[in-house]
Amino acid sequence: MKRILVTGATGRTGSLVFEKLQQSQEFVAVGLARSPEKAQQRFGSTDGLVFGDIGDRQSLKTAMEGCQGLVILTSAVPQVIAPPSEPGQRPQMGFAPGSEPEIVDYQGQVNQIDIAKAVGVQQVVVVGSMGGTDENHFLNHIGNGKILIWKRKAEQYLMDSGLTYTIIRAGGLLDEPGGDRELLVGDHDELLNHPPEGVKPSIPRADVAELVVQSLGEPTARNTAFDVISNPEGLATRDFAALFARTTPG
């Protein structure tokens, strides 16, 4: 059984990946989290979890030793930094000091990739975001954090590292059940800018989590980087080997 470390394991998508791996007969799941309190709240226990920070390479090394796979689900999260100045306006969003995208989405991922290479991890799976080809994407303007730019820089660092990788650039994440939709893969934000008629560039978090788990055991997922959205009117995807085979090498 392969031992897999999931970072960001208490996040909304990370927790789904961690739970799916726990239920699998192929993998032993280890989750990295910062807060025991949040972990207890999310899972009801801290079983299978270790605690550390992606800014601390020693805690990463301790968590990652003996693992064959790494799933990176850490991400900077914007927060309200100022209320609306006038009724009807949106609040001002930004990032807490030390939690900016450059620190979390770039340097934090670089730390994880470097440690993975040092301890002999065999495959790294990253869940990223579509929209990275557009520097003017609205997400980049939140707090002037350039979050999609830093995510793409980290992805490139992984691709240049020599490690086996799978990079899943998800569309808008939905808190809806998984396993019911046709999954569509593409590249260069084509599915974001020109999705099929009647299809929104979105995907349930549960389907992203399933893609992560499938990619860890499927050879056709190795060294690929792709966009993915879902079609609720299509036939539910069951053949993941065929799906990954339709992707292009990163």
C-alpha atoms as a PDB file:
ATOM      1  CA  MET A   1       0.000   0.000   0.000  1.00  0.00           C
ATOM      2  CA  LYS A   2       1.333   3.412  -0.963  1.00  0.00           C
ATOM      3  CA  ARG A   3       1.645   5.978   1.778  1.00  0.00           C
ATOM      4  CA  ILE A   4       0.307   9.370   0.617  1.00  0.00           C
ATOM      5  CA  LEU A   5       0.708  12.722   2.344  1.00  0.00           C
ATOM      6  CA  VAL A   6      -2.092  15.227   1.758  1.00  0.00           C
ATOM      7  CA  THR A   7      -1.200  18.806   2.675  1.00  0.00           C
ATOM      8  CA  GLY A   8      -4.051  21.202   3.317  1.00  0.00           C
ATOM      9  CA  ALA A   9      -5.960  18.191   4.631  1.00  0.00           C
ATOM     10  CA  THR A  10      -8.493  20.199   6.630  1.00  0.00           C
ATOM     11  CA  GLY A  11      -9.529  22.358   3.665  1.00  0.00           C
ATOM     12  CA  ARG A  12     -12.797  21.790   1.849  1.00  0.00           C
ATOM     13  CA  THR A  13     -11.194  19.856  -1.021  1.00  0.00           C
ATOM     14  CA  GLY A  14      -8.246  18.503   0.947  1.00  0.00           C
ATOM     15  CA  SER A  15     -10.544  16.871   3.493  1.00  0.00           C
ATOM     16  CA  LEU A  16     -12.403  15.047   0.709  1.00  0.00           C
ATOM     17  CA  VAL A  17      -9.129  13.739  -0.731  1.00  0.00           C
ATOM     18  CA  PHE A  18      -7.915  12.654   2.704  1.00  0.00           C
ATOM     19  CA  GLU A  19     -11.168  10.803   3.433  1.00  0.00           C
ATOM     20  CA  LYS A  20     -11.209   9.087   0.024  1.00  0.00           C
ATOM     21  CA  LEU A  21      -7.647   7.883   0.539  1.00  0.00           C
ATOM     22  CA  GLN A  22      -8.546   6.630   4.000  1.00  0.00           C
ATOM     23  CA  GLN A  23     -11.343   4.566   2.469  1.00  0.00           C
ATOM     24  CA  SER A  24      -9.121   3.133  -0.277  1.00  0.00           C
ATOM     25  CA  GLN A  25      -7.579  -0.329  -0.141  1.00  0.00           C
ATOM     26  CA  GLU A  26      -4.544   0.883  -2.125  1.00  0.00           C
ATOM     27  CA  PHE A  27      -3.297   3.746   0.004  1.00  0.00           C
ATOM     28  CA  VAL A  28      -2.411   4.766   3.525  1.00  0.00           C
ATOM     29  CA  ALA A  29      -3.448   8.378   4.035  1.00  0.00           C
ATOM     30  CA  VAL A  30      -1.495  10.879   6.088  1.00  0.00           C
ATOM     31  CA  GLY A  31      -2.887  14.391   6.407  1.00  0.00           C
ATOM     32  CA  LEU A  32      -0.829  17.474   7.205  1.00  0.00           C
ATOM     33  CA  ALA A  33      -2.678  20.223   9.052  1.00  0.00           C
ATOM     34  CA  ARG A  34      -1.722  23.270  11.070  1.00  0.00           C
ATOM     35  CA  SER A  35      -4.514  23.287  13.641  1.00  0.00           C
ATOM     36  CA  PRO A  36      -5.504  20.305  15.838  1.00  0.00           C
ATOM     37  CA  GLU A  37      -8.674  22.211  16.735  1.00  0.00           C
ATOM     38  CA  LYS A  38      -9.707  22.604  13.096  1.00  0.00           C
ATOM     39  CA  ALA A  39      -8.856  18.960  12.428  1.00  0.00           C
ATOM     40  CA  GLN A  40     -11.005  17.819  15.341  1.00  0.00           C
ATOM     41  CA  GLN A  41     -13.841  20.009  14.115  1.00  0.00           C
ATOM     42  CA  ARG A  42     -13.543  18.762  10.520  1.00  0.00           C
ATOM     43  CA  PHE A  43     -13.074  15.025  11.122  1.00  0.00           C
ATOM     44  CA  GLY A  44     -14.134  14.406  14.707  1.00  0.00           C
ATOM     45  CA  SER A  45     -10.680  13.046  15.503  1.00  0.00           C
ATOM     46  CA  THR A  46      -7.028  13.547  14.608  1.00  0.00           C
ATOM     47  CA  ASP A  47      -6.413   9.974  13.443  1.00  0.00           C
ATOM     48  CA  GLY A  48      -4.038   9.830  10.498  1.00  0.00           C
ATOM     49  CA  LEU A  49      -3.071  13.478  10.843  1.00  0.00           C
ATOM     50  CA  VAL A  50       0.246  15.111  11.587  1.00  0.00           C
ATOM     51  CA  PHE A  51       0.673  18.769  12.417  1.00  0.00           C
ATOM     52  CA  GLY A  52       3.113  21.198  10.907  1.00  0.00           C
ATOM     53  CA  ASP A  53       3.489  24.101   8.540  1.00  0.00           C
ATOM     54  CA  ILE A  54       4.489  24.267   4.881  1.00  0.00           C
ATOM     55  CA  GLY A  55       6.813  27.122   5.788  1.00  0.00           C
ATOM     56  CA  ASP A  56       8.772  24.804   8.095  1.00  0.00           C
ATOM     57  CA  ARG A  57      10.873  22.397   6.053  1.00  0.00           C
ATOM     58  CA  GLN A  58      11.720  20.236   9.061  1.00  0.00           C
ATOM     59  CA  SER A  59       8.056  19.572   9.859  1.00  0.00           C
ATOM     60  CA  LEU A  60       7.476  18.810   6.180  1.00  0.00           C
ATOM     61  CA  LYS A  61      10.367  16.351   6.169  1.00  0.00           C
ATOM     62  CA  THR A  62       9.035  14.619   9.279  1.00  0.00           C
ATOM     63  CA  ALA A  63       5.567  14.315   7.753  1.00  0.00           C
ATOM     64  CA  MET A  64       6.785  13.195   4.324  1.00  0.00           C
ATOM     65  CA  GLU A  65       9.380  10.579   5.240  1.00  0.00           C
ATOM     66  CA  GLY A  66       8.243   7.122   4.146  1.00  0.00           C
ATOM     67  CA  CYS A  67       5.631   8.498   1.741  1.00  0.00           C
ATOM     68  CA  GLN A  68       5.465   7.413  -1.886  1.00  0.00           C
ATOM     69  CA  GLY A  69       3.088  10.187  -2.928  1.00  0.00           C
ATOM     70  CA  LEU A  70       2.366  13.820  -2.094  1.00  0.00           C
ATOM     71  CA  VAL A  71      -0.886  15.666  -2.787  1.00  0.00           C
ATOM     72  CA  ILE A  72      -0.583  19.450  -2.529  1.00  0.00           C
ATOM     73  CA  LEU A  73      -3.858  21.100  -1.601  1.00  0.00           C
ATOM     74  CA  THR A  74      -2.529  24.133   0.228  1.00  0.00           C
ATOM     75  CA  SER A  75      -3.636  27.531  -1.037  1.00  0.00           C
ATOM     76  CA  ALA A  76      -3.753  31.113   0.106  1.00  0.00           C
ATOM     77  CA  VAL A  77      -7.278  32.061   1.190  1.00  0.00           C
ATOM     78  CA  PRO A  78      -8.504  35.648   0.868  1.00  0.00           C
ATOM     79  CA  GLN A  79     -10.330  37.241   3.765  1.00  0.00           C
ATOM     80  CA  VAL A  80     -12.238  40.437   4.431  1.00  0.00           C
ATOM     81  CA  ILE A  81      -9.788  43.169   5.403  1.00  0.00           C
ATOM     82  CA  ALA A  82     -12.197  46.127   5.288  1.00  0.00           C
ATOM     83  CA  PRO A  83     -16.005  46.396   5.303  1.00  0.00           C
ATOM     84  CA  PRO A  84     -17.857  47.973   2.383  1.00  0.00           C
ATOM     85  CA  SER A  85     -17.384  51.729   2.260  1.00  0.00           C
ATOM     86  CA  GLU A  86     -20.960  52.188   1.071  1.00  0.00           C
ATOM     87  CA  PRO A  87     -24.132  50.085   1.216  1.00  0.00           C
ATOM     88  CA  GLY A  88     -24.365  47.665  -1.674  1.00  0.00           C
ATOM     89  CA  GLN A  89     -20.631  47.537  -2.291  1.00  0.00           C
ATOM     90  CA  ARG A  90     -18.472  44.487  -1.717  1.00  0.00           C
ATOM     91  CA  PRO A  91     -16.032  44.320   1.181  1.00  0.00           C
ATOM     92  CA  GLN A  92     -12.345  44.761   0.493  1.00  0.00           C
ATOM     93  CA  MET A  93     -10.609  41.394   0.274  1.00  0.00           C
ATOM     94  CA  GLY A  94      -6.971  40.584   0.861  1.00  0.00           C
ATOM     95  CA  PHE A  95      -4.593  38.211   2.622  1.00  0.00           C
ATOM     96  CA  ALA A  96      -3.373  38.081   6.188  1.00  0.00           C
ATOM     97  CA  PRO A  97       0.304  38.984   6.689  1.00  0.00           C
ATOM     98  CA  GLY A  98       2.392  35.864   6.078  1.00  0.00           C
ATOM     99  CA  SER A  99      -0.431  34.172   4.170  1.00  0.00           C
ATOM    100  CA  GLU A 100      -0.028  35.917   0.826  1.00  0.00           C
ATOM    101  CA  PRO A 101      -0.026  33.827  -2.384  1.00  0.00           C
ATOM    102  CA  GLU A 102       3.693  34.340  -2.939  1.00  0.00           C
ATOM    103  CA  ILE A 103       4.374  32.792   0.458  1.00  0.00           C
ATOM    104  CA  VAL A 104       1.736  30.035   0.416  1.00  0.00           C
ATOM    105  CA  ASP A 105       1.189  29.177  -3.242  1.00  0.00           C
ATOM    106  CA  TYR A 106       4.764  29.632  -4.390  1.00  0.00           C
ATOM    107  CA  GLN A 107       7.268  29.337  -1.553  1.00  0.00           C
ATOM    108  CA  GLY A 108       5.096  26.882   0.359  1.00  0.00           C
ATOM    109  CA  GLN A 109       4.828  24.641  -2.694  1.00  0.00           C
ATOM    110  CA  VAL A 110       8.542  24.983  -3.440  1.00  0.00           C
ATOM    111  CA  ASN A 111       9.247  23.789   0.097  1.00  0.00           C
ATOM    112  CA  GLN A 112       6.990  20.783  -0.399  1.00  0.00           C
ATOM    113  CA  ILE A 113       8.505  19.918  -3.776  1.00  0.00           C
ATOM    114  CA  ASP A 114      12.075  20.203  -2.506  1.00  0.00           C
ATOM    115  CA  ILE A 115      11.388  17.969   0.489  1.00  0.00           C
ATOM    116  CA  ALA A 116       9.511  15.468  -1.695  1.00  0.00           C
ATOM    117  CA  LYS A 117      12.542  15.190  -3.936  1.00  0.00           C
ATOM    118  CA  ALA A 118      14.903  14.901  -0.978  1.00  0.00           C
ATOM    119  CA  VAL A 119      13.008  12.046   0.698  1.00  0.00           C
ATOM    120  CA  GLY A 120      12.257  10.076  -2.483  1.00  0.00           C
ATOM    121  CA  VAL A 121       8.552  10.712  -3.071  1.00  0.00           C
ATOM    122  CA  GLN A 122       7.561   9.017  -6.326  1.00  0.00           C
ATOM    123  CA  GLN A 123       4.697  11.255  -7.481  1.00  0.00           C
ATOM    124  CA  VAL A 124       3.419  14.735  -6.657  1.00  0.00           C
ATOM    125  CA  VAL A 125      -0.178  15.715  -7.413  1.00  0.00           C
ATOM    126  CA  VAL A 126      -1.106  19.403  -7.324  1.00  0.00           C
ATOM    127  CA  VAL A 127      -4.631  20.754  -7.407  1.00  0.00           C
ATOM    128  CA  GLY A 128      -4.446  24.180  -9.023  1.00  0.00           C
ATOM    129  CA  SER A 129      -6.847  26.553 -10.729  1.00  0.00           C
ATOM    130  CA  MET A 130      -7.838  27.444 -14.245  1.00  0.00           C
ATOM    131  CA  GLY A 131      -7.285  31.041 -15.312  1.00  0.00           C
ATOM    132  CA  GLY A 132      -3.515  31.063 -15.042  1.00  0.00           C
ATOM    133  CA  THR A 133      -2.998  32.171 -18.646  1.00  0.00           C
ATOM    134  CA  ASP A 134      -4.655  35.536 -17.905  1.00  0.00           C
ATOM    135  CA  GLU A 135      -2.561  37.920 -15.808  1.00  0.00           C
ATOM    136  CA  ASN A 136      -5.601  40.199 -15.573  1.00  0.00           C
ATOM    137  CA  HIS A 137      -7.878  37.508 -14.152  1.00  0.00           C
ATOM    138  CA  PHE A 138      -9.931  38.967 -11.315  1.00  0.00           C
ATOM    139  CA  LEU A 139      -8.464  36.513  -8.795  1.00  0.00           C
ATOM    140  CA  ASN A 140      -5.021  38.035  -9.357  1.00  0.00           C
ATOM    141  CA  HIS A 141      -6.356  41.419  -8.254  1.00  0.00           C
ATOM    142  CA  ILE A 142      -7.552  40.254  -4.841  1.00  0.00           C
ATOM    143  CA  GLY A 143      -5.206  42.041  -2.467  1.00  0.00           C
ATOM    144  CA  ASN A 144      -2.913  42.406  -5.479  1.00  0.00           C
ATOM    145  CA  GLY A 145      -1.845  38.892  -4.530  1.00  0.00           C
ATOM    146  CA  LYS A 146      -1.426  37.580  -8.096  1.00  0.00           C
ATOM    147  CA  ILE A 147      -2.534  34.189  -6.810  1.00  0.00           C
ATOM    148  CA  LEU A 148      -2.902  32.460 -10.196  1.00  0.00           C
ATOM    149  CA  ILE A 149       0.479  33.765 -11.319  1.00  0.00           C
ATOM    150  CA  TRP A 150       2.200  32.349  -8.241  1.00  0.00           C
ATOM    151  CA  LYS A 151       0.368  29.039  -8.618  1.00  0.00           C
ATOM    152  CA  ARG A 152       1.631  28.698 -12.204  1.00  0.00           C
ATOM    153  CA  LYS A 153       5.181  29.554 -11.140  1.00  0.00           C
ATOM    154  CA  ALA A 154       5.016  26.763  -8.555  1.00  0.00           C
ATOM    155  CA  GLU A 155       3.646  24.348 -11.160  1.00  0.00           C
ATOM    156  CA  GLN A 156       6.543  25.160 -13.456  1.00  0.00           C
ATOM    157  CA  TYR A 157       8.964  24.575 -10.576  1.00  0.00           C
ATOM    158  CA  LEU A 158       7.437  21.123 -10.100  1.00  0.00           C
ATOM    159  CA  MET A 159       7.627  20.301 -13.807  1.00  0.00           C
ATOM    160  CA  ASP A 160      11.307  21.307 -13.833  1.00  0.00           C
ATOM    161  CA  SER A 161      12.095  19.326 -10.662  1.00  0.00           C
ATOM    162  CA  GLY A 162      12.470  15.900 -12.262  1.00  0.00           C
ATOM    163  CA  LEU A 163       9.705  14.462 -10.066  1.00  0.00           C
ATOM    164  CA  THR A 164       6.766  12.585 -11.562  1.00  0.00           C
ATOM    165  CA  TYR A 165       3.795  14.924 -11.364  1.00  0.00           C
ATOM    166  CA  THR A 166       0.112  15.386 -12.089  1.00  0.00           C
ATOM    167  CA  ILE A 167      -1.266  18.932 -12.154  1.00  0.00           C
ATOM    168  CA  ILE A 168      -5.051  19.265 -12.037  1.00  0.00           C
ATOM    169  CA  ARG A 169      -6.266  22.787 -12.839  1.00  0.00           C
ATOM    170  CA  ALA A 170      -9.859  22.777 -11.709  1.00  0.00           C
ATOM    171  CA  GLY A 171     -12.662  25.060 -12.794  1.00  0.00           C
ATOM    172  CA  GLY A 172     -14.896  26.777 -10.263  1.00  0.00           C
ATOM    173  CA  LEU A 173     -15.338  24.459  -7.292  1.00  0.00           C
ATOM    174  CA  LEU A 174     -18.838  23.373  -6.319  1.00  0.00           C
ATOM    175  CA  ASP A 175     -19.973  21.915  -3.010  1.00  0.00           C
ATOM    176  CA  GLU A 176     -22.113  19.297  -4.734  1.00  0.00           C
ATOM    177  CA  PRO A 177     -22.055  15.478  -4.882  1.00  0.00           C
ATOM    178  CA  GLY A 178     -19.503  13.815  -7.128  1.00  0.00           C
ATOM    179  CA  GLY A 179     -19.664  10.865  -9.486  1.00  0.00           C
ATOM    180  CA  ASP A 180     -22.669  12.075 -11.468  1.00  0.00           C
ATOM    181  CA  ARG A 181     -21.083  14.207 -14.198  1.00  0.00           C
ATOM    182  CA  GLU A 182     -19.057  13.877 -17.353  1.00  0.00           C
ATOM    183  CA  LEU A 183     -15.592  15.284 -16.779  1.00  0.00           C
ATOM    184  CA  LEU A 184     -14.062  17.335 -19.591  1.00  0.00           C
ATOM    185  CA  VAL A 185     -10.321  17.954 -19.848  1.00  0.00           C
ATOM    186  CA  GLY A 186      -8.458  20.602 -21.814  1.00  0.00           C
ATOM    187  CA  ASP A 187      -5.530  22.995 -21.701  1.00  0.00           C
ATOM    188  CA  HIS A 188      -4.560  26.670 -21.921  1.00  0.00           C
ATOM    189  CA  ASP A 189      -7.863  27.789 -20.332  1.00  0.00           C
ATOM    190  CA  GLU A 190      -9.837  26.847 -23.436  1.00  0.00           C
ATOM    191  CA  LEU A 191     -12.573  25.294 -21.297  1.00  0.00           C
ATOM    192  CA  LEU A 192     -12.700  28.436 -19.193  1.00  0.00           C
ATOM    193  CA  ASN A 193     -12.906  30.868 -22.086  1.00  0.00           C
ATOM    194  CA  HIS A 194     -14.879  28.709 -24.530  1.00  0.00           C
ATOM    195  CA  PRO A 195     -16.722  25.938 -22.670  1.00  0.00           C
ATOM    196  CA  PRO A 196     -19.105  23.707 -24.620  1.00  0.00           C
ATOM    197  CA  GLU A 197     -22.521  25.261 -25.118  1.00  0.00           C
ATOM    198  CA  GLY A 198     -24.631  25.051 -21.990  1.00  0.00           C
ATOM    199  CA  VAL A 199     -21.717  23.923 -19.793  1.00  0.00           C
ATOM    200  CA  LYS A 200     -20.356  26.100 -17.025  1.00  0.00           C
ATOM    201  CA  PRO A 201     -16.597  25.995 -16.282  1.00  0.00           C
ATOM    202  CA  SER A 202     -17.108  24.418 -12.876  1.00  0.00           C
ATOM    203  CA  ILE A 203     -16.713  21.065 -11.152  1.00  0.00           C
ATOM    204  CA  PRO A 204     -17.760  19.523  -7.821  1.00  0.00           C
ATOM    205  CA  ARG A 205     -14.984  19.311  -5.245  1.00  0.00           C
ATOM    206  CA  ALA A 206     -15.845  15.626  -4.826  1.00  0.00           C
ATOM    207  CA  ASP A 207     -15.021  14.993  -8.487  1.00  0.00           C
ATOM    208  CA  VAL A 208     -11.695  16.775  -8.109  1.00  0.00           C
ATOM    209  CA  ALA A 209     -10.961  14.595  -5.087  1.00  0.00           C
ATOM    210  CA  GLU A 210     -11.756  11.469  -7.102  1.00  0.00           C
ATOM    211  CA  LEU A 211      -9.457  12.653  -9.890  1.00  0.00           C
ATOM    212  CA  VAL A 212      -6.649  13.052  -7.363  1.00  0.00           C
ATOM    213  CA  VAL A 213      -7.085   9.538  -6.012  1.00  0.00           C
ATOM    214  CA  GLN A 214      -7.362   8.032  -9.501  1.00  0.00           C
ATOM    215  CA  SER A 215      -4.237   9.891 -10.668  1.00  0.00           C
ATOM    216  CA  LEU A 216      -2.169   8.286  -7.911  1.00  0.00           C
ATOM    217  CA  GLY A 217      -2.732   4.826  -9.345  1.00  0.00           C
ATOM    218  CA  GLU A 218      -3.097   5.476 -13.052  1.00  0.00           C
ATOM    219  CA  PRO A 219       0.030   5.502 -15.267  1.00  0.00           C
ATOM    220  CA  THR A 220      -1.645   7.671 -17.939  1.00  0.00           C
ATOM    221  CA  ALA A 221      -1.873  10.496 -15.371  1.00  0.00           C
ATOM    222  CA  ARG A 222       1.881  10.743 -14.923  1.00  0.00           C
ATOM    223  CA  ASN A 223       3.610  13.927 -16.074  1.00  0.00           C
ATOM    224  CA  THR A 224       0.386  15.587 -17.214  1.00  0.00           C
ATOM    225  CA  ALA A 225      -1.009  19.057 -16.525  1.00  0.00           C
ATOM    226  CA  PHE A 226      -4.586  19.755 -17.549  1.00  0.00           C
ATOM    227  CA  ASP A 227      -7.744  21.806 -17.013  1.00  0.00           C
ATOM    228  CA  VAL A 228     -10.936  20.073 -15.940  1.00  0.00           C
ATOM    229  CA  ILE A 229     -14.604  21.014 -15.723  1.00  0.00           C
ATOM    230  CA  SER A 230     -17.806  18.976 -15.592  1.00  0.00           C
ATOM    231  CA  ASN A 231     -20.902  18.539 -17.704  1.00  0.00           C
ATOM    232  CA  PRO A 232     -23.943  17.701 -15.560  1.00  0.00           C
ATOM    233  CA  GLU A 233     -25.889  16.564 -18.640  1.00  0.00           C
ATOM    234  CA  GLY A 234     -23.270  14.099 -19.900  1.00  0.00           C
ATOM    235  CA  LEU A 235     -22.641  10.494 -18.964  1.00  0.00           C
ATOM    236  CA  ALA A 236     -20.762  10.231 -15.691  1.00  0.00           C
ATOM    237  CA  THR A 237     -17.061   9.575 -16.174  1.00  0.00           C
ATOM    238  CA  ARG A 238     -16.027   6.086 -15.107  1.00  0.00           C
ATOM    239  CA  ASP A 239     -12.967   5.337 -17.286  1.00  0.00           C
ATOM    240  CA  PHE A 240     -10.285   7.522 -15.727  1.00  0.00           C
ATOM    241  CA  ALA A 241      -7.446   5.908 -17.671  1.00  0.00           C
ATOM    242  CA  ALA A 242      -9.106   7.066 -20.898  1.00  0.00           C
ATOM    243  CA  LEU A 243      -9.723  10.513 -19.419  1.00  0.00           C
ATOM    244  CA  PHE A 244      -6.080  10.979 -18.446  1.00  0.00           C
ATOM    245  CA  ALA A 245      -4.998   9.675 -21.853  1.00  0.00           C
ATOM    246  CA  ARG A 246      -6.819  12.629 -23.432  1.00  0.00           C
ATOM    247  CA  THR A 247      -4.648  15.089 -21.530  1.00  0.00           C
ATOM    248  CA  THR A 248      -1.371  16.460 -22.843  1.00  0.00           C
ATOM    249  CA  PRO A 249       2.075  16.215 -21.252  1.00  0.00           C
ATOM    250  CA  GLY A 250       2.871  19.193 -19.062  1.00  0.00           C
END
